[in-house]
Amino acid sequence: MDERDILVRIGELVEEERRLRDLHERGELNQAEEQRRLMRLEVALDQFWDLLRQRRAKDRAGEDPDEADVRPPGEVEGYLQ
């Protein structure tokens, strides 16, 4: 997955987030379901942003950006703690 693919996927996830919020506002999705799905999206977004940062850091360091890997949710989400 190259940088362009990652950015496309991030855009898709952001659009899905907006769609879920709209569904909830229109009463077509209950709050519990909205929150459950939003949490999954947020984790995926964090993983893709992390992957993009890894790729860019490897490129700046003269390393192969294709060696960057998606990190597990627990690792990515643990950065803030």
N, C-alpha and C. Protein backbone atom coordinates (compact mmCIF):
# COMPACT_ATOMS: atom_id res chain seq x y z
N MET A 1 0.85 -1.17 0.00
CA MET A 1 0.00 0.00 0.00
C MET A 1 0.90 1.24 0.00
N ASP A 2 0.78 2.06 -1.03
CA ASP A 2 1.62 3.26 -1.10
C ASP A 2 0.91 4.44 -0.43
N GLU A 3 1.59 5.58 -0.38
CA GLU A 3 1.06 6.75 0.31
C GLU A 3 -0.30 7.19 -0.26
N ARG A 4 -0.41 7.15 -1.57
CA ARG A 4 -1.67 7.56 -2.19
C ARG A 4 -2.81 6.65 -1.76
N ASP A 5 -2.57 5.35 -1.73
CA ASP A 5 -3.58 4.38 -1.30
C ASP A 5 -4.00 4.63 0.15
N ILE A 6 -3.01 4.95 0.99
CA ILE A 6 -3.29 5.22 2.39
C ILE A 6 -4.17 6.46 2.53
N LEU A 7 -3.83 7.51 1.79
CA LEU A 7 -4.62 8.74 1.86
C LEU A 7 -6.04 8.53 1.35
N VAL A 8 -6.19 7.72 0.31
CA VAL A 8 -7.53 7.40 -0.20
C VAL A 8 -8.33 6.67 0.88
N ARG A 9 -7.69 5.70 1.52
CA ARG A 9 -8.38 4.93 2.56
C ARG A 9 -8.76 5.82 3.74
N ILE A 10 -7.89 6.74 4.13
CA ILE A 10 -8.20 7.69 5.21
C ILE A 10 -9.42 8.52 4.81
N GLY A 11 -9.45 8.99 3.58
CA GLY A 11 -10.60 9.76 3.10
C GLY A 11 -11.89 8.96 3.15
N GLU A 12 -11.81 7.69 2.79
CA GLU A 12 -13.00 6.83 2.84
C GLU A 12 -13.49 6.64 4.27
N LEU A 13 -12.56 6.47 5.19
CA LEU A 13 -12.95 6.29 6.59
C LEU A 13 -13.56 7.56 7.17
N VAL A 14 -13.02 8.71 6.81
CA VAL A 14 -13.58 9.99 7.27
C VAL A 14 -14.98 10.16 6.71
N GLU A 15 -15.18 9.81 5.46
CA GLU A 15 -16.52 9.90 4.85
C GLU A 15 -17.49 8.96 5.56
N GLU A 16 -17.05 7.77 5.88
CA GLU A 16 -17.90 6.82 6.61
C GLU A 16 -18.26 7.37 7.98
N GLU A 17 -17.32 8.03 8.63
CA GLU A 17 -17.58 8.66 9.93
C GLU A 17 -18.68 9.71 9.79
N ARG A 18 -18.58 10.53 8.78
CA ARG A 18 -19.61 11.56 8.54
C ARG A 18 -20.98 10.93 8.27
N ARG A 19 -20.97 9.85 7.49
CA ARG A 19 -22.21 9.17 7.17
C ARG A 19 -22.88 8.60 8.42
N LEU A 20 -22.08 8.01 9.28
CA LEU A 20 -22.63 7.46 10.54
C LEU A 20 -23.23 8.56 11.40
N ARG A 21 -22.55 9.68 11.50
CA ARG A 21 -23.06 10.79 12.31
C ARG A 21 -24.37 11.33 11.71
N ASP A 22 -24.43 11.41 10.39
CA ASP A 22 -25.66 11.85 9.73
C ASP A 22 -26.81 10.89 9.99
N LEU A 23 -26.53 9.60 9.91
CA LEU A 23 -27.57 8.60 10.18
C LEU A 23 -28.10 8.73 11.60
N HIS A 24 -27.21 8.95 12.53
CA HIS A 24 -27.62 9.11 13.93
C HIS A 24 -28.47 10.38 14.09
N GLU A 25 -28.03 11.47 13.49
CA GLU A 25 -28.77 12.74 13.60
C GLU A 25 -30.18 12.62 13.01
N ARG A 26 -30.33 11.81 11.97
CA ARG A 26 -31.64 11.63 11.35
C ARG A 26 -32.48 10.57 12.08
N GLY A 27 -31.92 9.97 13.12
CA GLY A 27 -32.64 8.96 13.88
C GLY A 27 -32.65 7.59 13.23
N GLU A 28 -31.79 7.37 12.25
CA GLU A 28 -31.74 6.10 11.54
C GLU A 28 -30.72 5.13 12.15
N LEU A 29 -30.01 5.59 13.18
CA LEU A 29 -29.00 4.77 13.83
C LEU A 29 -28.99 5.15 15.31
N ASN A 30 -29.15 4.17 16.19
CA ASN A 30 -29.18 4.51 17.62
C ASN A 30 -27.78 4.86 18.11
N GLN A 31 -27.72 5.53 19.24
CA GLN A 31 -26.45 6.05 19.74
C GLN A 31 -25.45 4.94 20.06
N ALA A 32 -25.92 3.84 20.62
CA ALA A 32 -25.00 2.75 20.98
C ALA A 32 -24.33 2.19 19.72
N GLU A 33 -25.12 1.98 18.68
CA GLU A 33 -24.57 1.45 17.43
C GLU A 33 -23.62 2.47 16.79
N GLU A 34 -24.02 3.74 16.81
CA GLU A 34 -23.15 4.78 16.26
C GLU A 34 -21.81 4.78 16.98
N GLN A 35 -21.84 4.75 18.30
CA GLN A 35 -20.60 4.78 19.08
C GLN A 35 -19.73 3.55 18.82
N ARG A 36 -20.35 2.38 18.74
CA ARG A 36 -19.61 1.15 18.48
C ARG A 36 -18.89 1.24 17.13
N ARG A 37 -19.62 1.68 16.12
CA ARG A 37 -19.04 1.76 14.78
C ARG A 37 -18.01 2.88 14.68
N LEU A 38 -18.26 4.00 15.35
CA LEU A 38 -17.30 5.11 15.34
C LEU A 38 -15.99 4.70 16.00
N MET A 39 -16.07 3.93 17.07
CA MET A 39 -14.85 3.50 17.74
C MET A 39 -13.99 2.64 16.81
N ARG A 40 -14.63 1.74 16.07
CA ARG A 40 -13.89 0.92 15.10
C ARG A 40 -13.24 1.79 14.03
N LEU A 41 -14.00 2.78 13.55
CA LEU A 41 -13.46 3.68 12.53
C LEU A 41 -12.28 4.48 13.06
N GLU A 42 -12.39 4.96 14.28
CA GLU A 42 -11.32 5.77 14.87
C GLU A 42 -10.03 4.96 15.02
N VAL A 43 -10.16 3.71 15.41
CA VAL A 43 -8.98 2.85 15.53
C VAL A 43 -8.35 2.65 14.15
N ALA A 44 -9.18 2.37 13.15
CA ALA A 44 -8.66 2.19 11.79
C ALA A 44 -7.98 3.46 11.29
N LEU A 45 -8.60 4.61 11.56
CA LEU A 45 -7.98 5.88 11.16
C LEU A 45 -6.63 6.06 11.83
N ASP A 46 -6.57 5.79 13.12
CA ASP A 46 -5.29 5.92 13.84
C ASP A 46 -4.24 5.00 13.23
N GLN A 47 -4.63 3.80 12.86
CA GLN A 47 -3.68 2.86 12.26
C GLN A 47 -3.17 3.37 10.91
N PHE A 48 -4.07 3.91 10.08
CA PHE A 48 -3.63 4.41 8.78
C PHE A 48 -2.77 5.66 8.91
N TRP A 49 -3.13 6.57 9.83
CA TRP A 49 -2.28 7.75 10.05
C TRP A 49 -0.90 7.32 10.54
N ASP A 50 -0.85 6.33 11.42
CA ASP A 50 0.41 5.82 11.92
C ASP A 50 1.23 5.22 10.78
N LEU A 51 0.58 4.44 9.93
CA LEU A 51 1.28 3.84 8.79
C LEU A 51 1.85 4.92 7.88
N LEU A 52 1.07 5.96 7.63
CA LEU A 52 1.54 7.06 6.79
C LEU A 52 2.76 7.74 7.42
N ARG A 53 2.71 7.98 8.73
CA ARG A 53 3.86 8.59 9.42
C ARG A 53 5.08 7.68 9.35
N GLN A 54 4.87 6.38 9.53
CA GLN A 54 5.99 5.43 9.43
C GLN A 54 6.63 5.49 8.05
N ARG A 55 5.80 5.46 7.01
CA ARG A 55 6.32 5.48 5.64
C ARG A 55 7.13 6.75 5.39
N ARG A 56 6.60 7.88 5.82
CA ARG A 56 7.30 9.15 5.59
C ARG A 56 8.61 9.20 6.37
N ALA A 57 8.61 8.68 7.59
CA ALA A 57 9.83 8.67 8.40
C ALA A 57 10.89 7.77 7.76
N LYS A 58 10.48 6.62 7.29
CA LYS A 58 11.42 5.71 6.63
C LYS A 58 11.99 6.36 5.37
N ASP A 59 11.14 7.02 4.61
CA ASP A 59 11.60 7.68 3.39
C ASP A 59 12.62 8.77 3.72
N ARG A 60 12.33 9.58 4.73
CA ARG A 60 13.28 10.64 5.13
C ARG A 60 14.60 10.07 5.62
N ALA A 61 14.54 8.89 6.23
CA ALA A 61 15.75 8.26 6.76
C ALA A 61 16.50 7.47 5.70
N GLY A 62 16.01 7.49 4.46
CA GLY A 62 16.66 6.77 3.38
C GLY A 62 16.35 5.28 3.38
N GLU A 63 15.33 4.89 4.13
CA GLU A 63 14.92 3.48 4.19
C GLU A 63 13.76 3.25 3.23
N ASP A 64 13.41 2.00 3.04
CA ASP A 64 12.32 1.62 2.15
C ASP A 64 10.97 1.82 2.85
N PRO A 65 10.15 2.75 2.38
CA PRO A 65 8.85 2.99 3.01
C PRO A 65 7.93 1.77 2.95
N ASP A 66 8.17 0.88 1.99
CA ASP A 66 7.34 -0.31 1.88
C ASP A 66 7.56 -1.30 3.02
N GLU A 67 8.58 -1.05 3.83
CA GLU A 67 8.82 -1.90 4.98
C GLU A 67 7.96 -1.50 6.18
N ALA A 68 7.24 -0.40 6.09
CA ALA A 68 6.34 0.02 7.17
C ALA A 68 5.15 -0.94 7.22
N ASP A 69 4.71 -1.24 8.42
CA ASP A 69 3.59 -2.16 8.61
C ASP A 69 2.51 -1.51 9.46
N VAL A 70 1.28 -1.97 9.24
CA VAL A 70 0.17 -1.54 10.09
C VAL A 70 0.42 -2.14 11.47
N ARG A 71 0.40 -1.28 12.47
CA ARG A 71 0.61 -1.76 13.84
C ARG A 71 -0.72 -2.17 14.45
N PRO A 72 -0.70 -3.08 15.42
CA PRO A 72 -1.94 -3.53 16.04
C PRO A 72 -2.63 -2.39 16.78
N PRO A 73 -3.96 -2.46 16.89
CA PRO A 73 -4.72 -1.41 17.57
C PRO A 73 -4.20 -1.06 18.96
N GLY A 74 -3.86 -2.07 19.75
CA GLY A 74 -3.38 -1.82 21.10
C GLY A 74 -2.11 -0.98 21.14
N GLU A 75 -1.26 -1.18 20.16
CA GLU A 75 -0.01 -0.41 20.10
C GLU A 75 -0.29 1.02 19.65
N VAL A 76 -1.08 1.17 18.62
CA VAL A 76 -1.38 2.52 18.10
C VAL A 76 -2.19 3.32 19.11
N GLU A 77 -3.19 2.71 19.70
CA GLU A 77 -4.04 3.40 20.66
C GLU A 77 -3.28 3.68 21.96
N GLY A 78 -2.24 2.92 22.25
CA GLY A 78 -1.49 3.10 23.49
C GLY A 78 -0.55 4.29 23.47
N TYR A 79 -0.37 4.94 22.32
CA TYR A 79 0.54 6.07 22.22
C TYR A 79 0.14 7.21 23.14
N LEU A 80 -1.15 7.39 23.34
CA LEU A 80 -1.63 8.54 24.13
C LEU A 80 -1.58 8.27 25.63
N GLN A 81 -1.32 7.04 26.02
CA GLN A 81 -1.34 6.73 27.46
C GLN A 81 0.01 6.74 28.07
